[in-house]
């Protein structure tokens, strides 16, 4: 990346973050080569189409592909800047241990085509120290190149960490306008990455060291998880007392220094439901609050299942509509979704009585196979189902007027219908008292 010449860019991982990022970079005029392990994803993008749901992404991808600014394949090719945006799931050890193998494999493939002057940026949410581990692995693969932090002279390549902080449904806007934390292995690395991001980011880009940037991303999501846990715990307390939690929160938030979030059926998505464990895993003896918040939010899922089951059993002849499977409103992302878990559990228990309404899914996920549950639309559900369990606050659900649902038994975990007469769910409360 020299002078004012536009760099060529390789984005490894074309999922919910990688594809929008690649498209935004291409829109700025840089030529982008996207890499994904799934051939169908590559083929879809090369047709100018998308495989995920995101506002305005379809038109943007179509445009940059038609202009020849975005191409895709399953192989990493030479570039000036490499952006790694691959998953960082849990290891399969049952201990919430972070698995950075996808990051290291992506970096290994980058190392094969790396040349002096290149910049490597990790965007994947990662445990503290991952960027340094990636640097060390590349150093072992390419001893011919001087690595930052491992040489007394000027390094041949620059390595940095720059996490996204976006909200699904607003990804394109937030990738462009949100502030970014850019952590370099060295200050020189941070400056190189800064020069790249300033080509397409309007928000303030703040440079720091790689470890601080890694921790910042985890802290942001752990903070949100803890605050959501308070709201979810409050909702369970309100249920046990027969109170309307939405009314309690509305009144409490009139205090000038109180801002309680809205509860839900749990916490989902690949960030808030996952990232706090990265901090716990790194320092288990110092994270009782973060660990407890995770337990509260996971526990809320089981509370919702108990409440919903009580309502279903109190109406033994009724058909039941589960509204939503996504982890948040108006998206097609079902990763770590509490709504999906609740609906699937009810489907296994009550079979053909369960009707699932999810406007952002073409078919039900695999866990519904063999349950007898059926996928339907909101209008059919309103006509045929006597019990409604609101799990996601999609706009299409919010738009249903009271006149169409006044005679329904409703368990609203999202508070989208404040005018709805409250359903009676005392059996679940009694079960909880006995369990307690």
Protein backbone atom coordinates (compact mmCIF):
# COMPACT_ATOMS: atom_id res chain seq x y z
CA UNK A 1 0.00 0.00 0.00
CA UNK A 2 2.04 2.92 -1.27
CA UNK A 3 1.08 6.52 -1.91
CA UNK A 4 -2.40 7.21 -3.21
CA UNK A 5 -2.62 3.98 -5.21
CA UNK A 6 -5.73 2.07 -4.24
CA UNK A 7 -4.76 -1.22 -2.62
CA UNK A 8 -6.15 -4.57 -3.67
CA UNK A 9 -7.98 -6.32 -0.84
CA UNK A 10 -8.71 -9.91 0.07
CA UNK A 11 -11.54 -10.58 2.53
CA UNK A 12 -11.43 -14.08 4.00
CA UNK A 13 -14.85 -15.20 5.21
CA UNK A 14 -18.00 -14.00 3.43
CA UNK A 15 -20.60 -14.39 6.14
CA UNK A 16 -22.71 -11.87 8.07
CA UNK A 17 -19.72 -9.54 8.57
CA UNK A 18 -17.31 -10.50 5.80
CA UNK A 19 -19.66 -10.00 2.85
CA UNK A 20 -20.96 -6.56 3.89
CA UNK A 21 -17.38 -5.52 4.69
CA UNK A 22 -16.16 -6.69 1.29
CA UNK A 23 -19.00 -4.84 -0.44
CA UNK A 24 -18.38 -1.60 1.47
CA UNK A 25 -14.65 -1.72 0.64
CA UNK A 26 -15.42 -2.40 -3.03
CA UNK A 27 -17.87 0.52 -3.10
CA UNK A 28 -14.98 2.83 -2.19
CA UNK A 29 -13.24 1.85 -5.44
CA UNK A 30 -10.81 -0.80 -4.17
CA UNK A 31 -10.76 -4.14 -5.95
CA UNK A 32 -11.81 -6.87 -3.53
CA UNK A 33 -11.38 -10.61 -3.79
CA UNK A 34 -13.61 -12.48 -1.35
CA UNK A 35 -12.77 -15.95 -0.09
CA UNK A 36 -15.13 -18.50 1.41
CA UNK A 37 -14.89 -22.25 1.98
CA UNK A 38 -18.44 -22.84 0.69
CA UNK A 39 -18.65 -23.08 -3.09
CA UNK A 40 -22.36 -22.20 -3.17
CA UNK A 41 -21.62 -18.93 -1.35
CA UNK A 42 -18.89 -18.10 -3.86
CA UNK A 43 -21.15 -18.89 -6.81
CA UNK A 44 -23.99 -16.80 -5.38
CA UNK A 45 -21.77 -13.74 -4.90
CA UNK A 46 -20.23 -14.05 -8.36
CA UNK A 47 -23.76 -13.87 -9.77
CA UNK A 48 -24.19 -10.58 -7.94
CA UNK A 49 -26.56 -12.15 -5.41
CA UNK A 50 -26.43 -12.61 -1.63
CA UNK A 51 -26.89 -15.59 0.70
CA UNK A 52 -27.77 -13.62 3.84
CA UNK A 53 -30.50 -11.14 4.73
CA UNK A 54 -29.33 -7.58 5.33
CA UNK A 55 -30.89 -4.23 4.49
CA UNK A 56 -29.66 -2.83 1.13
CA UNK A 57 -26.91 -5.45 0.81
CA UNK A 58 -28.41 -7.07 -2.29
CA UNK A 59 -28.26 -3.91 -4.38
CA UNK A 60 -24.77 -3.04 -3.18
CA UNK A 61 -23.34 -6.48 -3.96
CA UNK A 62 -25.01 -6.54 -7.35
CA UNK A 63 -23.50 -3.16 -8.18
CA UNK A 64 -19.90 -3.85 -7.15
CA UNK A 65 -19.93 -7.26 -8.83
CA UNK A 66 -21.22 -5.77 -12.08
CA UNK A 67 -18.48 -3.11 -11.92
CA UNK A 68 -15.86 -5.83 -11.50
CA UNK A 69 -14.83 -4.55 -8.06
CA UNK A 70 -15.88 -7.69 -6.14
CA UNK A 71 -15.13 -11.28 -7.09
CA UNK A 72 -15.10 -14.44 -5.01
CA UNK A 73 -13.46 -17.87 -4.91
CA UNK A 74 -12.48 -20.58 -2.47
CA UNK A 75 -8.77 -19.78 -2.73
CA UNK A 76 -6.76 -16.94 -1.19
CA UNK A 77 -4.92 -14.93 -3.81
CA UNK A 78 -2.25 -12.21 -3.58
CA UNK A 79 -3.39 -8.78 -2.38
CA UNK A 80 -2.10 -5.69 -0.61
CA UNK A 81 -4.48 -5.91 2.35
CA UNK A 82 -5.94 -9.08 3.88
CA UNK A 83 -9.03 -8.81 6.11
CA UNK A 84 -9.85 -11.96 8.09
CA UNK A 85 -13.51 -12.25 9.14
CA UNK A 86 -14.01 -15.94 9.94
CA UNK A 87 -15.98 -17.51 12.83
CA UNK A 88 -14.53 -17.95 16.32
CA UNK A 89 -16.87 -20.51 17.94
CA UNK A 90 -16.53 -22.46 21.15
CA UNK A 91 -14.31 -25.52 21.19
CA UNK A 92 -16.22 -28.79 21.54
CA UNK A 93 -15.06 -29.33 25.12
CA UNK A 94 -18.20 -28.19 26.94
CA UNK A 95 -16.18 -25.50 28.76
CA UNK A 96 -16.89 -22.45 26.55
CA UNK A 97 -13.25 -22.44 25.44
CA UNK A 98 -12.67 -20.20 22.40
CA UNK A 99 -11.72 -21.98 19.18
CA UNK A 100 -9.45 -19.81 17.02
CA UNK A 101 -8.57 -22.57 14.56
CA UNK A 102 -10.48 -20.86 11.73
CA UNK A 103 -8.48 -17.68 12.29
CA UNK A 104 -5.17 -19.53 12.26
CA UNK A 105 -6.13 -21.55 9.18
CA UNK A 106 -7.09 -18.34 7.34
CA UNK A 107 -3.80 -16.74 8.35
CA UNK A 108 -1.90 -19.83 7.20
CA UNK A 109 -3.48 -19.50 3.76
CA UNK A 110 -2.64 -15.79 3.69
CA UNK A 111 0.98 -16.62 4.56
CA UNK A 112 1.31 -18.62 1.33
CA UNK A 113 0.78 -15.51 -0.83
CA UNK A 114 2.16 -12.84 1.52
CA UNK A 115 4.73 -10.34 0.24
CA UNK A 116 6.67 -7.46 1.72
CA UNK A 117 4.52 -4.36 2.24
CA UNK A 118 1.27 -6.25 2.87
CA UNK A 119 -1.15 -5.51 5.71
CA UNK A 120 -3.06 -8.23 7.57
CA UNK A 121 -6.08 -7.23 9.65
CA UNK A 122 -8.04 -9.56 11.89
CA UNK A 123 -11.68 -8.55 12.37
CA UNK A 124 -13.04 -11.74 13.94
CA UNK A 125 -14.07 -11.39 17.58
CA UNK A 126 -11.20 -13.10 19.35
CA UNK A 127 -9.69 -13.83 22.78
CA UNK A 128 -6.97 -11.47 23.93
CA UNK A 129 -3.67 -12.54 22.40
CA UNK A 130 -5.10 -14.00 19.18
CA UNK A 131 -3.53 -11.38 16.92
CA UNK A 132 -0.11 -12.11 18.42
CA UNK A 133 -0.69 -15.85 17.97
CA UNK A 134 -1.60 -15.22 14.36
CA UNK A 135 1.60 -13.19 13.89
CA UNK A 136 3.69 -15.98 15.42
CA UNK A 137 2.13 -18.60 13.16
CA UNK A 138 2.75 -16.49 10.06
CA UNK A 139 6.34 -15.94 11.20
CA UNK A 140 6.83 -19.71 11.40
CA UNK A 141 5.32 -20.17 7.94
CA UNK A 142 7.31 -17.33 6.35
CA UNK A 143 10.75 -16.99 7.99
CA UNK A 144 11.82 -14.97 4.92
CA UNK A 145 9.63 -12.04 6.06
CA UNK A 146 10.42 -9.85 9.10
CA UNK A 147 7.41 -9.75 11.43
CA UNK A 148 6.33 -6.77 13.59
CA UNK A 149 7.41 -7.09 17.18
CA UNK A 150 9.88 -9.84 16.31
CA UNK A 151 12.51 -7.75 14.56
CA UNK A 152 14.69 -4.82 15.60
CA UNK A 153 14.47 -3.33 12.13
CA UNK A 154 11.55 -2.32 9.96
CA UNK A 155 9.12 -5.24 9.55
CA UNK A 156 8.17 -6.46 6.10
CA UNK A 157 4.44 -6.71 6.88
CA UNK A 158 1.96 -5.00 9.20
CA UNK A 159 -0.52 -6.87 11.40
CA UNK A 160 -3.46 -5.35 13.27
CA UNK A 161 -6.76 -6.14 14.95
CA UNK A 162 -9.89 -4.12 14.17
CA UNK A 163 -13.22 -5.54 15.37
CA UNK A 164 -16.55 -4.54 13.89
CA UNK A 165 -19.28 -3.14 16.10
CA UNK A 166 -22.46 -3.40 14.08
CA UNK A 167 -26.14 -4.15 14.55
CA UNK A 168 -27.78 -6.65 12.17
CA UNK A 169 -30.26 -4.80 10.01
CA UNK A 170 -28.01 -1.72 10.01
CA UNK A 171 -24.68 -3.30 9.10
CA UNK A 172 -23.90 -1.23 6.00
CA UNK A 173 -24.64 2.05 7.76
CA UNK A 174 -22.69 1.13 10.88
CA UNK A 175 -19.67 -0.30 9.06
CA UNK A 176 -19.36 3.12 7.47
CA UNK A 177 -20.30 5.47 10.31
CA UNK A 178 -19.36 3.78 13.59
CA UNK A 179 -16.07 4.52 15.33
CA UNK A 180 -13.40 1.84 15.04
CA UNK A 181 -10.70 0.66 17.45
CA UNK A 182 -7.56 -0.24 15.50
CA UNK A 183 -5.01 -2.24 17.45
CA UNK A 184 -1.62 -2.79 15.91
CA UNK A 185 1.07 -5.27 16.91
CA UNK A 186 3.18 -2.09 16.85
CA UNK A 187 2.22 1.58 16.46
CA UNK A 188 3.46 1.43 12.87
CA UNK A 189 1.08 -1.47 12.19
CA UNK A 190 -1.80 0.53 13.65
CA UNK A 191 -1.00 3.46 11.37
CA UNK A 192 -0.93 1.22 8.30
CA UNK A 193 -4.34 -0.23 9.20
CA UNK A 194 -5.65 3.27 9.98
CA UNK A 195 -4.73 4.47 6.49
CA UNK A 196 -6.72 1.57 5.02
CA UNK A 197 -9.88 2.08 7.11
CA UNK A 198 -9.96 5.82 6.51
CA UNK A 199 -10.63 5.06 2.84
CA UNK A 200 -14.16 3.84 3.64
CA UNK A 201 -14.97 4.59 7.31
CA UNK A 202 -16.49 7.97 8.21
CA UNK A 203 -16.46 7.28 11.96
CA UNK A 204 -13.49 8.12 14.17
CA UNK A 205 -10.71 5.55 13.97
CA UNK A 206 -8.74 5.31 17.22
CA UNK A 207 -5.40 3.50 17.28
CA UNK A 208 -4.21 1.37 20.17
CA UNK A 209 -2.34 -1.92 20.72
CA UNK A 210 -3.77 -5.22 19.47
CA UNK A 211 -4.48 -6.73 22.90
CA UNK A 212 -6.41 -3.65 24.05
CA UNK A 213 -8.51 -3.68 20.87
CA UNK A 214 -9.25 -7.40 21.37
CA UNK A 215 -10.33 -6.80 24.96
CA UNK A 216 -12.40 -3.75 24.00
CA UNK A 217 -14.59 -5.83 21.69
CA UNK A 218 -15.20 -8.45 24.39
CA UNK A 219 -15.92 -5.81 27.03
CA UNK A 220 -18.51 -4.08 24.84
CA UNK A 221 -20.56 -7.25 24.49
CA UNK A 222 -20.05 -8.40 28.08
CA UNK A 223 -21.33 -4.99 29.25
CA UNK A 224 -24.47 -5.42 27.17
CA UNK A 225 -24.93 -8.98 28.40
CA UNK A 226 -24.77 -7.90 32.05
CA UNK A 227 -27.34 -5.15 31.49
CA UNK A 228 -29.67 -7.48 29.61
CA UNK A 229 -29.32 -9.99 32.44
CA UNK A 230 -30.67 -7.42 34.90
CA UNK A 231 -33.73 -6.89 32.70
CA UNK A 232 -34.26 -10.62 32.21
CA UNK A 233 -33.89 -11.34 35.93
CA UNK A 234 -36.32 -8.54 36.69
CA UNK A 235 -38.83 -10.07 34.26
CA UNK A 236 -38.67 -13.40 36.10
CA UNK A 237 -39.14 -11.67 39.45
CA UNK A 238 -42.14 -9.81 38.04
CA UNK A 239 -43.62 -13.08 36.77
CA UNK A 240 -43.28 -14.63 40.22
CA UNK A 241 -45.15 -11.66 41.73
CA UNK A 242 -47.79 -11.41 39.03
CA UNK A 243 -46.55 -7.99 37.92
CA UNK A 244 -46.30 -6.48 34.44
CA UNK A 245 -42.54 -6.10 33.95
CA UNK A 246 -43.03 -3.68 31.04
CA UNK A 247 -45.00 -1.30 33.27
CA UNK A 248 -42.37 -1.57 36.02
CA UNK A 249 -39.54 -0.80 33.59
CA UNK A 250 -41.46 2.06 31.99
CA UNK A 251 -41.96 3.71 35.35
CA UNK A 252 -38.44 3.02 36.65
CA UNK A 253 -36.91 4.53 33.51
CA UNK A 254 -38.54 7.85 34.32
CA UNK A 255 -35.76 8.24 36.89
CA UNK A 256 -33.13 10.51 35.26
CA UNK A 257 -30.27 8.09 35.98
CA UNK A 258 -32.03 4.76 35.29
CA UNK A 259 -32.14 3.12 31.87
CA UNK A 260 -33.25 -0.50 32.20
CA UNK A 261 -33.16 -2.44 28.95
CA UNK A 262 -36.07 -4.51 27.67
CA UNK A 263 -36.15 -8.21 28.56
CA UNK A 264 -36.59 -11.01 26.07
CA UNK A 265 -36.58 -14.82 25.92
CA UNK A 266 -32.81 -14.89 26.50
CA UNK A 267 -29.80 -13.57 24.58
CA UNK A 268 -28.78 -14.76 21.13
CA UNK A 269 -26.46 -14.06 18.25
CA UNK A 270 -22.81 -14.85 17.81
CA UNK A 271 -21.60 -11.85 19.84
CA UNK A 272 -23.41 -11.14 23.11
CA UNK A 273 -24.17 -14.80 23.83
CA UNK A 274 -20.57 -15.84 23.12
CA UNK A 275 -18.03 -13.08 23.74
CA UNK A 276 -18.41 -12.84 27.55
CA UNK A 277 -17.19 -16.43 27.83
CA UNK A 278 -13.92 -15.38 26.16
CA UNK A 279 -13.26 -13.08 29.12
CA UNK A 280 -14.36 -15.73 31.65
CA UNK A 281 -12.13 -18.32 30.00
CA UNK A 282 -9.13 -15.98 30.20
CA UNK A 283 -9.65 -15.02 33.86
CA UNK A 284 -12.17 -17.35 35.56
CA UNK A 285 -11.24 -16.31 39.11
CA UNK A 286 -12.00 -12.63 38.44
CA UNK A 287 -15.26 -12.82 36.49
CA UNK A 288 -18.12 -13.86 38.83
CA UNK A 289 -20.41 -11.07 37.59
CA UNK A 290 -19.91 -11.82 33.90
CA UNK A 291 -20.37 -15.55 34.49
CA UNK A 292 -23.53 -14.94 36.53
CA UNK A 293 -24.99 -12.70 33.83
CA UNK A 294 -24.47 -15.46 31.29
CA UNK A 295 -26.23 -17.88 33.64
CA UNK A 296 -29.17 -15.50 34.12
CA UNK A 297 -29.64 -14.99 30.39
CA UNK A 298 -29.40 -18.72 29.65
CA UNK A 299 -31.76 -19.37 32.56
CA UNK A 300 -34.32 -17.01 31.07
CA UNK A 301 -34.68 -19.40 28.14
CA UNK A 302 -35.74 -22.22 30.48
CA UNK A 303 -38.09 -19.85 32.31
CA UNK A 304 -39.78 -18.97 29.01
CA UNK A 305 -40.10 -22.65 28.09
CA UNK A 306 -41.79 -23.32 31.45
CA UNK A 307 -44.16 -20.38 31.11
CA UNK A 308 -45.03 -21.22 27.50
CA UNK A 309 -45.54 -24.90 28.32
CA UNK A 310 -47.93 -24.01 31.13
CA UNK A 311 -49.98 -21.87 28.76
CA UNK A 312 -50.08 -24.60 26.13
CA UNK A 313 -51.16 -27.20 28.66
CA UNK A 314 -53.80 -24.89 30.08
CA UNK A 315 -55.34 -24.84 26.59
CA UNK A 316 -55.12 -28.54 25.67
CA UNK A 317 -57.13 -28.37 22.44
CA UNK A 318 -55.61 -25.17 21.09
CA UNK A 319 -53.22 -24.74 18.20
CA UNK A 320 -50.16 -22.75 19.21
CA UNK A 321 -48.27 -20.15 17.14
CA UNK A 322 -44.62 -19.50 17.99
CA UNK A 323 -43.79 -16.11 16.52
CA UNK A 324 -40.17 -15.87 15.42
CA UNK A 325 -36.94 -17.89 15.37
CA UNK A 326 -34.29 -15.22 14.76
CA UNK A 327 -32.13 -13.89 17.58
CA UNK A 328 -33.38 -10.33 16.97
CA UNK A 329 -35.96 -8.47 14.95
CA UNK A 330 -36.11 -8.23 11.16
CA UNK A 331 -33.11 -10.42 10.30
CA UNK A 332 -32.57 -14.00 9.14
CA UNK A 333 -29.78 -14.79 11.62
CA UNK A 334 -30.69 -17.70 13.91
CA UNK A 335 -27.28 -18.22 15.55
CA UNK A 336 -27.51 -18.89 19.30
CA UNK A 337 -31.15 -17.80 19.13
CA UNK A 338 -33.19 -18.34 22.30
CA UNK A 339 -36.40 -18.08 20.23
CA UNK A 340 -35.26 -20.99 18.10
CA UNK A 341 -34.50 -23.10 21.19
CA UNK A 342 -37.85 -22.30 22.81
CA UNK A 343 -39.83 -23.07 19.65
CA UNK A 344 -37.94 -26.30 18.98
CA UNK A 345 -38.48 -27.47 22.57
CA UNK A 346 -42.20 -26.79 22.33
CA UNK A 347 -42.32 -28.58 18.96
CA UNK A 348 -40.76 -31.70 20.49
CA UNK A 349 -43.25 -31.59 23.36
CA UNK A 350 -46.44 -30.72 21.54
CA UNK A 351 -45.83 -31.81 17.93
CA UNK A 352 -48.51 -30.93 15.40
CA UNK A 353 -50.08 -28.34 17.72
CA UNK A 354 -47.10 -26.04 17.12
CA UNK A 355 -47.20 -23.63 14.17
CA UNK A 356 -44.00 -21.63 13.63
CA UNK A 357 -44.15 -18.16 12.05
CA UNK A 358 -40.79 -16.90 10.81
CA UNK A 359 -40.97 -14.54 7.80
CA UNK A 360 -37.18 -14.62 7.35
CA UNK A 361 -36.91 -18.41 6.96
CA UNK A 362 -37.73 -20.37 3.81
CA UNK A 363 -38.03 -23.56 5.87
CA UNK A 364 -37.80 -24.72 9.46
CA UNK A 365 -34.34 -25.57 10.85
CA UNK A 366 -33.27 -29.21 11.10
CA UNK A 367 -34.20 -29.61 14.77
CA UNK A 368 -37.87 -29.35 13.84
CA UNK A 369 -37.71 -32.40 11.58
CA UNK A 370 -39.90 -35.23 12.81
CA UNK A 371 -41.72 -33.10 15.38
CA UNK A 372 -44.83 -32.55 13.30
CA UNK A 373 -44.58 -28.78 13.76
CA UNK A 374 -45.42 -26.76 10.67
CA UNK A 375 -44.24 -23.46 9.25
CA UNK A 376 -46.97 -20.93 8.52
CA UNK A 377 -47.50 -17.22 7.97
CA UNK A 378 -48.84 -14.66 10.44
CA UNK A 379 -52.26 -14.35 8.79
CA UNK A 380 -52.87 -18.10 8.87
CA UNK A 381 -51.64 -18.27 12.45
CA UNK A 382 -54.09 -15.54 13.50
CA UNK A 383 -56.92 -17.42 11.82
CA UNK A 384 -56.11 -20.90 13.12
CA UNK A 385 -54.21 -20.59 16.43
CA UNK A 386 -55.78 -19.77 19.78
CA UNK A 387 -52.45 -19.43 21.65
CA UNK A 388 -49.72 -17.00 20.54
CA UNK A 389 -46.19 -17.08 21.95
CA UNK A 390 -44.21 -14.00 20.89
CA UNK A 391 -40.49 -14.79 20.75
CA UNK A 392 -39.15 -12.16 18.29
CA UNK A 393 -40.27 -8.55 17.81
CA UNK A 394 -40.38 -8.57 14.01
CA UNK A 395 -42.14 -5.49 12.63
CA UNK A 396 -44.77 -7.66 10.95
CA UNK A 397 -45.77 -9.03 14.36
CA UNK A 398 -45.88 -5.58 15.94
CA UNK A 399 -48.30 -4.43 13.24
CA UNK A 400 -51.05 -6.87 14.27
CA UNK A 401 -53.86 -4.77 15.83
CA UNK A 402 -55.65 -5.74 19.02
CA UNK A 403 -58.83 -6.50 17.08
CA UNK A 404 -57.12 -9.49 15.44
CA UNK A 405 -55.69 -10.93 18.67
CA UNK A 406 -58.01 -9.84 21.47
CA UNK A 407 -59.46 -13.34 21.79
CA UNK A 408 -56.04 -15.06 21.84
CA UNK A 409 -54.15 -16.42 24.81
CA UNK A 410 -50.80 -14.61 24.49
CA UNK A 411 -47.43 -15.01 26.14
CA UNK A 412 -45.46 -11.98 24.93
CA UNK A 413 -41.75 -12.27 25.80
CA UNK A 414 -40.89 -9.08 23.91
CA UNK A 415 -43.57 -6.67 25.11
CA UNK A 416 -44.72 -5.82 21.57
CA UNK A 417 -48.44 -5.88 22.43
CA UNK A 418 -48.86 -3.78 25.62
CA UNK A 419 -52.63 -3.57 25.06
CA UNK A 420 -53.05 -7.37 25.02
CA UNK A 421 -55.06 -8.87 27.92
CA UNK A 422 -52.59 -10.91 29.99
CA UNK A 423 -52.67 -14.69 29.64
CA UNK A 424 -52.92 -16.76 32.80
CA UNK A 425 -49.79 -18.84 33.40
CA UNK A 426 -50.05 -19.64 37.10
CA UNK A 427 -49.20 -23.35 36.64
CA UNK A 428 -45.65 -22.45 35.61
CA UNK A 429 -45.32 -20.10 38.59
CA UNK A 430 -46.44 -22.84 40.94
CA UNK A 431 -43.92 -25.26 39.42
CA UNK A 432 -41.17 -22.67 39.94
CA UNK A 433 -42.18 -22.14 43.58
CA UNK A 434 -42.03 -25.89 44.20
CA UNK A 435 -38.67 -26.15 42.44
CA UNK A 436 -37.36 -23.25 44.53
